[in-house]
Amino acid sequence: MGTDRIDEAHKNWYSMQDIKRKLDAVFYKTDRGNEPVREWLLSLPKNDHKTIGADVLKVQYCWPIGKPLVGNLGEDLWEIRSRLGDRIARVVFWLDGRTMVLLHGFIKKTQKTPGHELELATRRRNQLR
């Protein structure tokens, strides 16, 4: 990356500080205090969790936003769709007012979101309602 591009990236970052986030983001927390999405993110290679974190941040600032970054899963569930080289990650979230609750994260291995992944996110959302 050239110096000009780095300077431009820094300039863009600092100019975003004046822009208000449209959504806050919180991690779903279990009864025992675990945060499964945070733990999953930290288990990934650093570049992967940076990419996913940047995508979450984009959603916070640009909401409402659609595909290719965000997909509607129905039943008040949404997914952030992150490309990680040759893999695809998903973070399923629910909106509680203007708070994005990060319910579940996984690496997608099939074309369609597996039912058990969606069921887990649904159970977690229902616990919070």
C-alpha atoms as a PDB file:
ATOM      1  CA  MET A   1       0.000   0.000   0.000  1.00  0.00           C
ATOM      2  CA  GLY A   2       1.452   3.349  -0.991  1.00  0.00           C
ATOM      3  CA  THR A   3       1.892   6.255   1.402  1.00  0.00           C
ATOM      4  CA  ASP A   4      -0.830   8.242  -0.380  1.00  0.00           C
ATOM      5  CA  ARG A   5      -3.344   5.424   0.160  1.00  0.00           C
ATOM      6  CA  ILE A   6      -2.412   5.117   3.833  1.00  0.00           C
ATOM      7  CA  ASP A   7      -2.808   8.874   4.315  1.00  0.00           C
ATOM      8  CA  GLU A   8      -6.183   8.763   2.564  1.00  0.00           C
ATOM      9  CA  ALA A   9      -7.334   5.859   4.766  1.00  0.00           C
ATOM     10  CA  HIS A  10      -6.351   7.777   7.912  1.00  0.00           C
ATOM     11  CA  LYS A  11      -8.097  10.895   6.643  1.00  0.00           C
ATOM     12  CA  ASN A  12     -11.267   8.892   5.953  1.00  0.00           C
ATOM     13  CA  TRP A  13     -11.139   7.243   9.396  1.00  0.00           C
ATOM     14  CA  TYR A  14     -10.766  10.546  11.235  1.00  0.00           C
ATOM     15  CA  SER A  15     -13.489  12.202   9.175  1.00  0.00           C
ATOM     16  CA  MET A  16     -15.837   9.340  10.176  1.00  0.00           C
ATOM     17  CA  GLN A  17     -15.416  10.299  13.833  1.00  0.00           C
ATOM     18  CA  ASP A  18     -17.878  13.156  13.251  1.00  0.00           C
ATOM     19  CA  ILE A  19     -20.473  10.822  11.740  1.00  0.00           C
ATOM     20  CA  LYS A  20     -22.861   9.232  14.200  1.00  0.00           C
ATOM     21  CA  ARG A  21     -23.325   5.494  14.138  1.00  0.00           C
ATOM     22  CA  LYS A  22     -26.889   4.612  13.255  1.00  0.00           C
ATOM     23  CA  LEU A  23     -26.705   1.367  15.229  1.00  0.00           C
ATOM     24  CA  ASP A  24     -24.908   0.304  18.370  1.00  0.00           C
ATOM     25  CA  ALA A  25     -23.532  -3.243  18.415  1.00  0.00           C
ATOM     26  CA  VAL A  26     -23.475  -5.630  21.362  1.00  0.00           C
ATOM     27  CA  PHE A  27     -22.560  -9.277  21.675  1.00  0.00           C
ATOM     28  CA  TYR A  28     -25.191 -11.772  22.784  1.00  0.00           C
ATOM     29  CA  LYS A  29     -24.263 -12.948  26.274  1.00  0.00           C
ATOM     30  CA  THR A  30     -25.174 -16.350  27.734  1.00  0.00           C
ATOM     31  CA  ASP A  31     -26.493 -16.814  31.278  1.00  0.00           C
ATOM     32  CA  ARG A  32     -22.925 -17.721  32.292  1.00  0.00           C
ATOM     33  CA  GLY A  33     -21.573 -14.487  30.820  1.00  0.00           C
ATOM     34  CA  ASN A  34     -19.965 -16.012  27.718  1.00  0.00           C
ATOM     35  CA  GLU A  35     -20.073 -14.083  24.451  1.00  0.00           C
ATOM     36  CA  PRO A  36     -20.106 -16.790  21.743  1.00  0.00           C
ATOM     37  CA  VAL A  37     -19.703 -14.431  18.771  1.00  0.00           C
ATOM     38  CA  ARG A  38     -16.782 -12.583  20.373  1.00  0.00           C
ATOM     39  CA  GLU A  39     -15.143 -15.933  21.240  1.00  0.00           C
ATOM     40  CA  TRP A  40     -15.685 -17.199  17.678  1.00  0.00           C
ATOM     41  CA  LEU A  41     -14.205 -14.009  16.216  1.00  0.00           C
ATOM     42  CA  LEU A  42     -11.132 -14.237  18.423  1.00  0.00           C
ATOM     43  CA  SER A  43     -10.627 -17.872  17.378  1.00  0.00           C
ATOM     44  CA  LEU A  44     -10.261 -16.800  13.730  1.00  0.00           C
ATOM     45  CA  PRO A  45      -7.026 -15.602  12.148  1.00  0.00           C
ATOM     46  CA  LYS A  46      -6.408 -11.909  12.865  1.00  0.00           C
ATOM     47  CA  ASN A  47      -7.065 -10.798   9.274  1.00  0.00           C
ATOM     48  CA  ASP A  48     -10.416 -12.617   9.278  1.00  0.00           C
ATOM     49  CA  HIS A  49     -11.702 -11.063  12.470  1.00  0.00           C
ATOM     50  CA  LYS A  50     -10.504  -7.650  11.282  1.00  0.00           C
ATOM     51  CA  THR A  51     -12.470  -8.089   8.040  1.00  0.00           C
ATOM     52  CA  ILE A  52     -15.612  -9.170   9.884  1.00  0.00           C
ATOM     53  CA  GLY A  53     -15.218  -6.342  12.402  1.00  0.00           C
ATOM     54  CA  ALA A  54     -14.913  -3.811   9.568  1.00  0.00           C
ATOM     55  CA  ASP A  55     -18.088  -5.214   7.991  1.00  0.00           C
ATOM     56  CA  VAL A  56     -19.963  -4.927  11.305  1.00  0.00           C
ATOM     57  CA  LEU A  57     -18.771  -1.329  11.556  1.00  0.00           C
ATOM     58  CA  LYS A  58     -20.006  -0.582   8.004  1.00  0.00           C
ATOM     59  CA  VAL A  59     -23.450  -1.848   8.964  1.00  0.00           C
ATOM     60  CA  GLN A  60     -23.439   0.327  12.081  1.00  0.00           C
ATOM     61  CA  TYR A  61     -22.710   3.463  10.069  1.00  0.00           C
ATOM     62  CA  CYS A  62     -24.657   2.720   6.876  1.00  0.00           C
ATOM     63  CA  TRP A  63     -27.853   1.087   8.191  1.00  0.00           C
ATOM     64  CA  PRO A  64     -30.179   0.323   6.469  1.00  0.00           C
ATOM     65  CA  ILE A  65     -28.005  -1.503   3.965  1.00  0.00           C
ATOM     66  CA  GLY A  66     -28.759  -4.484   1.758  1.00  0.00           C
ATOM     67  CA  LYS A  67     -26.933  -7.046  -0.317  1.00  0.00           C
ATOM     68  CA  PRO A  68     -24.214  -7.921  -0.906  1.00  0.00           C
ATOM     69  CA  LEU A  69     -23.175  -6.967   2.669  1.00  0.00           C
ATOM     70  CA  VAL A  70     -26.422  -7.630   4.561  1.00  0.00           C
ATOM     71  CA  GLY A  71     -29.102 -10.221   3.906  1.00  0.00           C
ATOM     72  CA  ASN A  72     -32.555 -10.512   5.471  1.00  0.00           C
ATOM     73  CA  LEU A  73     -33.120 -13.972   6.961  1.00  0.00           C
ATOM     74  CA  GLY A  74     -36.733 -13.275   7.980  1.00  0.00           C
ATOM     75  CA  GLU A  75     -38.219 -13.309  11.477  1.00  0.00           C
ATOM     76  CA  ASP A  76     -36.325 -10.116  12.386  1.00  0.00           C
ATOM     77  CA  LEU A  77     -32.962 -11.773  11.755  1.00  0.00           C
ATOM     78  CA  TRP A  78     -30.267 -10.348   9.493  1.00  0.00           C
ATOM     79  CA  GLU A  79     -26.864 -11.592   8.390  1.00  0.00           C
ATOM     80  CA  ILE A  80     -23.639  -9.736   7.707  1.00  0.00           C
ATOM     81  CA  ARG A  81     -21.923 -11.457   4.791  1.00  0.00           C
ATOM     82  CA  SER A  82     -18.123 -11.244   4.928  1.00  0.00           C
ATOM     83  CA  ARG A  83     -15.713 -12.571   2.317  1.00  0.00           C
ATOM     84  CA  LEU A  84     -12.574 -14.103   3.780  1.00  0.00           C
ATOM     85  CA  GLY A  85     -10.532 -15.007   0.723  1.00  0.00           C
ATOM     86  CA  ASP A  86     -11.925 -18.354  -0.405  1.00  0.00           C
ATOM     87  CA  ARG A  87     -14.307 -18.611   2.568  1.00  0.00           C
ATOM     88  CA  ILE A  88     -17.477 -16.828   3.582  1.00  0.00           C
ATOM     89  CA  ALA A  89     -18.373 -15.834   7.128  1.00  0.00           C
ATOM     90  CA  ARG A  90     -21.777 -14.911   8.459  1.00  0.00           C
ATOM     91  CA  VAL A  91     -22.728 -12.984  11.568  1.00  0.00           C
ATOM     92  CA  VAL A  92     -26.426 -13.245  12.358  1.00  0.00           C
ATOM     93  CA  PHE A  93     -27.925 -10.321  14.229  1.00  0.00           C
ATOM     94  CA  TRP A  94     -31.233  -9.012  15.552  1.00  0.00           C
ATOM     95  CA  LEU A  95     -32.229  -5.383  15.892  1.00  0.00           C
ATOM     96  CA  ASP A  96     -33.502  -4.312  19.286  1.00  0.00           C
ATOM     97  CA  GLY A  97     -34.401  -0.694  18.618  1.00  0.00           C
ATOM     98  CA  ARG A  98     -31.160   0.814  17.381  1.00  0.00           C
ATOM     99  CA  THR A  99     -29.001  -1.899  18.898  1.00  0.00           C
ATOM    100  CA  MET A 100     -27.594  -4.642  16.701  1.00  0.00           C
ATOM    101  CA  VAL A 101     -27.314  -7.782  18.845  1.00  0.00           C
ATOM    102  CA  LEU A 102     -24.699 -10.128  17.364  1.00  0.00           C
ATOM    103  CA  LEU A 103     -26.287 -13.532  17.992  1.00  0.00           C
ATOM    104  CA  HIS A 104     -24.228 -16.080  16.082  1.00  0.00           C
ATOM    105  CA  GLY A 105     -21.213 -16.315  13.798  1.00  0.00           C
ATOM    106  CA  PHE A 106     -20.028 -19.120  11.549  1.00  0.00           C
ATOM    107  CA  ILE A 107     -18.096 -19.975   8.403  1.00  0.00           C
ATOM    108  CA  LYS A 108     -20.546 -20.827   5.663  1.00  0.00           C
ATOM    109  CA  LYS A 109     -19.864 -24.104   3.857  1.00  0.00           C
ATOM    110  CA  THR A 110     -23.040 -24.509   1.787  1.00  0.00           C
ATOM    111  CA  GLN A 111     -24.976 -22.279  -0.597  1.00  0.00           C
ATOM    112  CA  LYS A 112     -27.961 -21.997   1.750  1.00  0.00           C
ATOM    113  CA  THR A 113     -27.657 -21.001   5.404  1.00  0.00           C
ATOM    114  CA  PRO A 114     -27.877 -24.299   7.322  1.00  0.00           C
ATOM    115  CA  GLY A 115     -31.036 -24.706   9.382  1.00  0.00           C
ATOM    116  CA  HIS A 116     -29.172 -25.480  12.611  1.00  0.00           C
ATOM    117  CA  GLU A 117     -27.229 -22.189  12.353  1.00  0.00           C
ATOM    118  CA  LEU A 118     -30.463 -20.241  11.917  1.00  0.00           C
ATOM    119  CA  GLU A 119     -32.161 -22.170  14.737  1.00  0.00           C
ATOM    120  CA  LEU A 120     -29.355 -21.310  17.144  1.00  0.00           C
ATOM    121  CA  ALA A 121     -29.613 -17.603  16.303  1.00  0.00           C
ATOM    122  CA  THR A 122     -33.407 -17.790  16.658  1.00  0.00           C
ATOM    123  CA  ARG A 123     -33.147 -19.442  20.111  1.00  0.00           C
ATOM    124  CA  ARG A 124     -30.723 -16.768  21.265  1.00  0.00           C
ATOM    125  CA  ARG A 125     -32.969 -13.985  19.976  1.00  0.00           C
ATOM    126  CA  ASN A 126     -35.989 -15.531  21.680  1.00  0.00           C
ATOM    127  CA  GLN A 127     -34.106 -15.625  25.004  1.00  0.00           C
ATOM    128  CA  LEU A 128     -33.614 -11.874  24.732  1.00  0.00           C
ATOM    129  CA  ARG A 129     -37.192 -10.979  23.830  1.00  0.00           C
END
